[in-house]
Amino acid sequence: MKFKAEIDVMPLDALLDPQGKAVSNSMPTIGLPEISGVRVGRHVRLFVDAASKDEANAKVDEACKKLLANQIMESYTFHIEEA
């Protein structure tokens, strides 16, 4: 079976996010002073061939831990569905 995974990788809350801070600081300039506390991360979409959803979950989790997220500085979440 083929599964599609949607993965979000974000900097840990305890760490500084210079890109998010720059975006937050720019909001009043573009007329959106109500927006603050921006954090910028990344979104990854991938496809995985697996015998079951549980196996696909395990493979995606392994990919996140080994390559897609630096667990010292980032957290990740993902959602898997049949493709």
Protein backbone atom coordinates (compact mmCIF):
# COMPACT_ATOMS: atom_id res chain seq x y z
CA MET A 1 0.00 0.00 0.00
CA LYS A 2 1.08 3.57 -0.56
CA PHE A 3 0.68 6.19 2.18
CA LYS A 4 1.10 9.96 2.17
CA ALA A 5 2.70 11.60 5.20
CA GLU A 6 2.39 15.30 6.04
CA ILE A 7 5.15 16.26 8.49
CA ASP A 8 5.55 19.54 10.41
CA VAL A 9 8.93 20.35 11.93
CA MET A 10 9.11 23.29 14.35
CA PRO A 11 11.81 24.82 16.53
CA LEU A 12 11.42 23.92 20.19
CA ASP A 13 9.55 26.56 22.20
CA ALA A 14 12.51 27.01 24.55
CA LEU A 15 14.80 28.05 21.68
CA LEU A 16 15.07 31.36 19.90
CA ASP A 17 13.52 31.55 16.43
CA PRO A 18 15.19 34.47 14.61
CA GLN A 19 13.11 33.99 11.47
CA GLY A 20 9.88 33.91 13.47
CA LYS A 21 10.96 36.99 15.42
CA ALA A 22 11.67 38.88 12.18
CA VAL A 23 8.21 37.98 10.87
CA SER A 24 6.58 38.98 14.18
CA ASN A 25 8.39 42.31 14.18
CA SER A 26 7.21 42.99 10.61
CA MET A 27 3.51 42.46 11.31
CA PRO A 28 2.77 46.00 12.58
CA THR A 29 4.53 47.41 9.52
CA ILE A 30 2.10 45.62 7.19
CA GLY A 31 -0.95 46.63 9.21
CA LEU A 32 -1.32 43.48 11.32
CA PRO A 33 -0.32 44.52 14.86
CA GLU A 34 -2.67 41.86 16.29
CA ILE A 35 -0.34 39.07 15.15
CA SER A 36 2.60 38.17 17.40
CA GLY A 37 4.58 35.19 18.61
CA VAL A 38 5.28 33.83 15.13
CA ARG A 39 7.35 30.63 14.91
CA VAL A 40 8.62 29.49 11.52
CA GLY A 41 9.19 25.84 10.75
CA ARG A 42 8.90 23.65 7.69
CA HIS A 43 6.44 21.25 6.14
CA VAL A 44 7.50 18.00 4.45
CA ARG A 45 5.27 15.74 2.36
CA LEU A 46 6.45 12.26 1.43
CA PHE A 47 5.08 8.96 0.21
CA VAL A 48 5.92 5.60 1.72
CA ASP A 49 5.18 2.06 0.57
CA ALA A 50 4.23 -0.11 3.53
CA ALA A 51 2.13 -3.19 4.29
CA SER A 52 0.04 -1.33 6.90
CA LYS A 53 -0.58 2.10 8.39
CA ASP A 54 1.32 1.05 11.52
CA GLU A 55 4.36 0.13 9.43
CA ALA A 56 4.10 3.45 7.54
CA ASN A 57 3.93 5.30 10.87
CA ALA A 58 7.07 3.54 12.05
CA LYS A 59 8.95 4.34 8.83
CA VAL A 60 7.98 8.01 8.87
CA ASP A 61 8.89 8.33 12.55
CA GLU A 62 12.29 6.78 11.80
CA ALA A 63 12.84 9.19 8.89
CA CYS A 64 12.00 12.13 11.15
CA LYS A 65 14.35 10.98 13.90
CA LYS A 66 17.24 10.12 11.58
CA LEU A 67 17.06 12.88 8.97
CA LEU A 68 14.15 15.30 8.87
CA ALA A 69 14.27 16.80 12.38
CA ASN A 70 17.14 17.72 14.66
CA GLN A 71 15.61 16.53 17.95
CA ILE A 72 17.96 18.73 19.99
CA MET A 73 16.44 21.86 18.45
CA GLU A 74 13.19 20.78 16.80
CA SER A 75 10.00 18.87 17.40
CA TYR A 76 7.88 17.15 14.77
CA THR A 77 4.38 15.89 14.24
CA PHE A 78 2.95 13.99 11.32
CA HIS A 79 -0.27 12.66 9.86
CA ILE A 80 -0.48 9.66 7.55
CA GLU A 81 -3.26 8.69 5.15
CA GLU A 82 -3.62 6.25 2.28
CA ALA A 83 -2.46 7.78 -0.99
